[in-house]
Each structure stands twice: as structure tokens, then as C-alpha cells.
Protein backbone atom coordinates (compact mmCIF):
# COMPACT_ATOMS: atom_id res chain seq x y z
CA MET A 1 26.35 1.65 0.44
CA SER A 2 28.10 -1.30 2.06
CA PHE A 3 27.42 -3.81 4.78
CA VAL A 4 30.41 -4.49 7.06
CA THR A 5 30.69 -8.00 8.44
CA GLY A 6 33.25 -10.09 10.29
CA LYS A 7 35.70 -9.09 13.00
CA GLY A 8 39.38 -8.35 13.35
CA HIS A 9 41.37 -9.28 10.27
CA SER A 10 38.31 -11.00 8.80
CA ARG A 11 36.31 -7.79 8.42
CA ARG A 12 34.99 -7.10 4.96
CA ALA A 13 32.57 -4.76 3.28
CA ILE A 14 29.89 -6.15 1.00
CA LYS A 15 28.52 -3.72 -1.58
CA LEU A 16 24.74 -3.78 -1.42
CA GLN A 17 23.85 -2.06 -4.69
CA PRO A 18 24.74 -5.02 -6.97
CA ILE A 19 22.75 -7.38 -4.75
CA VAL A 20 19.70 -5.10 -4.72
CA GLN A 21 19.85 -4.70 -8.49
CA ALA A 22 20.09 -8.47 -8.99
CA LEU A 23 17.06 -9.07 -6.76
CA GLY A 24 14.71 -6.91 -8.78
CA GLU A 25 11.93 -4.66 -7.56
CA ALA A 26 9.49 -7.37 -6.40
CA ARG A 27 12.01 -9.25 -4.25
CA LYS A 28 13.41 -5.99 -2.90
CA ALA A 29 9.90 -4.99 -1.80
CA ALA A 30 9.37 -8.43 -0.22
CA LEU A 31 12.60 -8.36 1.84
CA PRO A 32 10.98 -7.06 5.07
CA ALA A 33 8.36 -9.83 4.97
CA PHE A 34 11.03 -12.41 4.16
CA HIS A 35 13.15 -11.24 7.08
CA VAL A 36 10.35 -11.42 9.62
CA LEU A 37 8.93 -14.71 8.33
CA SER A 38 12.28 -16.47 8.18
CA GLY A 39 13.29 -15.48 11.69
CA ALA A 40 14.41 -12.17 13.07
CA ASP A 41 15.48 -10.98 16.51
CA ASN A 42 11.93 -10.92 17.79
CA THR A 43 10.29 -13.65 15.70
CA GLY A 44 10.60 -17.38 15.47
CA CYS A 45 11.79 -19.30 12.45
CA PHE A 46 10.85 -22.50 10.68
CA ALA A 47 12.26 -25.50 12.56
CA GLY A 48 15.40 -26.79 10.92
CA HIS A 49 15.32 -24.08 8.27
CA ALA A 50 17.76 -21.29 9.03
CA LYS A 51 18.12 -18.09 7.01
CA PRO A 52 20.32 -19.59 4.25
CA LEU A 53 17.72 -22.24 3.38
CA CYS A 54 14.93 -19.68 3.57
CA TRP A 55 16.94 -17.34 1.33
CA LYS A 56 17.38 -20.08 -1.28
CA ALA A 57 13.63 -20.77 -1.28
CA PHE A 58 12.92 -17.02 -1.52
CA LEU A 59 15.17 -16.67 -4.56
CA ASN A 60 13.53 -19.64 -6.31
CA VAL A 61 9.86 -19.11 -5.49
CA ASP A 62 7.42 -17.89 -8.16
CA GLU A 63 7.01 -14.17 -8.78
CA ASP A 64 3.33 -14.22 -7.74
CA VAL A 65 4.41 -15.45 -4.30
CA VAL A 66 7.05 -12.72 -4.03
CA GLU A 67 4.52 -10.03 -5.01
CA GLU A 68 2.12 -11.20 -2.33
CA MET A 69 4.89 -11.32 0.28
CA ALA A 70 5.63 -7.69 -0.59
CA ARG A 71 2.01 -6.84 0.27
CA LEU A 72 2.36 -8.12 3.83
CA ALA A 73 1.85 -5.30 6.37
CA THR A 74 0.48 -2.89 3.74
CA ALA A 75 -3.22 -3.47 4.54
CA PRO A 76 -5.07 -3.72 7.86
CA THR A 77 -4.91 -7.55 7.64
CA PRO A 78 -3.23 -9.99 5.26
CA SER A 79 -5.49 -11.00 2.38
CA ASP A 80 -6.39 -14.63 1.67
CA LYS A 81 -4.25 -14.36 -1.47
CA THR A 82 -1.25 -13.26 0.60
CA MET A 83 -1.82 -16.06 3.12
CA LYS A 84 -1.98 -18.67 0.33
CA ALA A 85 1.18 -17.29 -1.29
CA ILE A 86 3.12 -17.48 1.97
CA GLU A 87 1.83 -21.01 2.48
CA LYS A 88 3.16 -21.88 -0.98
CA PHE A 89 6.53 -20.34 -0.01
CA VAL A 90 6.65 -22.54 3.10
CA CYS A 91 5.89 -25.64 1.00
CA LYS A 92 8.79 -24.74 -1.33
CA LEU A 93 10.99 -24.15 1.70
CA TYR A 94 10.42 -27.66 3.04
CA VAL A 95 10.39 -29.47 -0.34
CA PRO A 96 11.83 -27.26 -3.12
CA ASN A 97 10.39 -29.19 -6.08
CA THR A 98 6.98 -29.90 -4.58
CA SER A 99 3.72 -29.37 -6.38
CA TYR A 100 1.92 -29.03 -3.04
CA SER A 101 0.72 -25.55 -2.21
CA THR A 102 -0.87 -26.19 1.19
CA VAL A 103 0.99 -27.11 4.36
CA LYS A 104 -1.79 -29.52 5.26
CA ASP A 105 -1.16 -31.64 2.15
CA LEU A 106 2.60 -31.31 2.46
CA ARG A 107 2.58 -32.34 6.14
CA TRP A 108 0.55 -35.43 5.30
CA TRP A 109 2.84 -36.35 2.37
CA LEU A 110 5.99 -35.88 4.47
CA PHE A 111 4.57 -37.90 7.33
CA ARG A 112 3.25 -40.69 5.08
CA LYS A 113 6.21 -40.97 2.69
CA LYS A 114 9.14 -40.05 4.86
CA GLN A 115 7.80 -40.79 8.32
CA ALA A 116 9.01 -37.32 9.28
CA GLN A 117 9.08 -36.59 12.98
CA SER A 118 6.68 -33.87 14.08
CA GLU A 119 9.45 -31.33 14.77
CA ARG A 120 10.67 -31.72 11.16
CA LEU A 121 7.25 -31.08 9.63
CA PRO A 122 6.14 -27.67 8.36
CA PRO A 123 3.85 -25.73 10.69
CA THR A 124 0.15 -26.50 10.69
CA GLN A 125 -2.09 -24.08 8.80
CA SER A 126 -3.21 -22.56 12.10
CA ALA A 127 0.36 -22.11 13.36
CA LEU A 128 1.43 -20.65 10.02
CA ARG A 129 -1.51 -18.23 10.09
CA GLU A 130 -0.43 -17.01 13.54
CA ALA A 131 3.17 -16.62 12.33
CA VAL A 132 1.97 -14.61 9.31
CA LEU A 133 -0.23 -12.41 11.49
CA HIS A 134 2.72 -11.80 13.82
CA ALA A 135 4.93 -10.96 10.83
CA HIS A 136 2.20 -8.67 9.53
CA CYS A 137 2.01 -6.76 12.83
CA THR A 138 5.80 -6.60 13.12
CA GLY A 139 6.07 -5.32 9.56
CA ALA A 140 3.32 -2.75 10.08
CA GLY A 141 5.11 -1.44 13.18
CA ALA A 142 8.39 -1.20 11.30
CA ARG A 143 6.69 0.67 8.44
CA LYS A 144 5.27 3.20 10.92
CA GLU A 145 8.69 3.76 12.51
CA THR A 146 10.32 4.14 9.08
CA THR A 147 7.65 6.65 8.04
CA LYS A 148 8.16 8.66 11.27
CA ALA A 149 11.92 8.70 10.73
CA HIS A 150 11.54 9.97 7.17
CA MET A 151 9.12 12.70 8.29
CA ALA A 152 11.39 13.94 11.10
């Protein structure tokens, strides 16, 4: 299977199988959550952090975070463990080598140390929770549609 990108003479096909194999099972399972959280057609994204930066953070985040991201939209609501893991992902997105695991602490550190402007700060915990709930609902809807398509 290939993904065709570009236009005109710049068109090229990218083989997906080697990429999927390199990702591993956990990251492959977490791709839908990553896509929705990092900004899709119908969701917002993290200010100043486009897909390439989000992708880099996703590839470098701990396996426990990836496993929890894969659980998004598989239960009626996201668990506290899943919420904390996604919060840790967001911290790594904004400051890759940080030891902070809460956006509250990271926001304060960024503001205090770097005098970051508010639009450059990570979302608040409340805003992140709403984004995760939206991603959860979007993912659950997509899972239902995929299931219907496979049953038809």
C-alpha cells in the first residue's frame, strides 16, 4: 500500500508498510489519537506546534504514554491514566527534555523562566481536558464508522 503525494511532476508514492513496521504496534495503535490531538480537519492543534513537531514528540515520548494514547476512544470516557499520559505528551511537545509531567507546572516554568507570551504557552489543564474529550468523541465516532464499514 502506498500514499501518493505531491502534484504534477512532483508526484511520488510513499510505501506505508516500512513506516508502519518501524513504528511498532503501540505507536500504530495510537496513530488515530495522535492525529486528532495534533490537529485534524475538524480539530484544533497546539498553538505554534504543527504536525511535524507533534510527530517528533510522538516518536520520542515514553512507551507508557503511547499505550495510553492508544486507549483513547476505546472506553466510554478517557481514564485518569490516559489523561495524565496525554498531559505528559503535551509537556514533551513544548519542552522535549522536560521533567515536568503537568501542564500547570510547565506553564508556570515557561512563564517564569522564559517570560513566554500566553499564546506560546501550553494549554491549561482545563483546556487540555476539553481537547482530549473532543479527541475522544471524534475517535469514538471514527471507530463506529470503521466498524460499520467492515461489517457491510
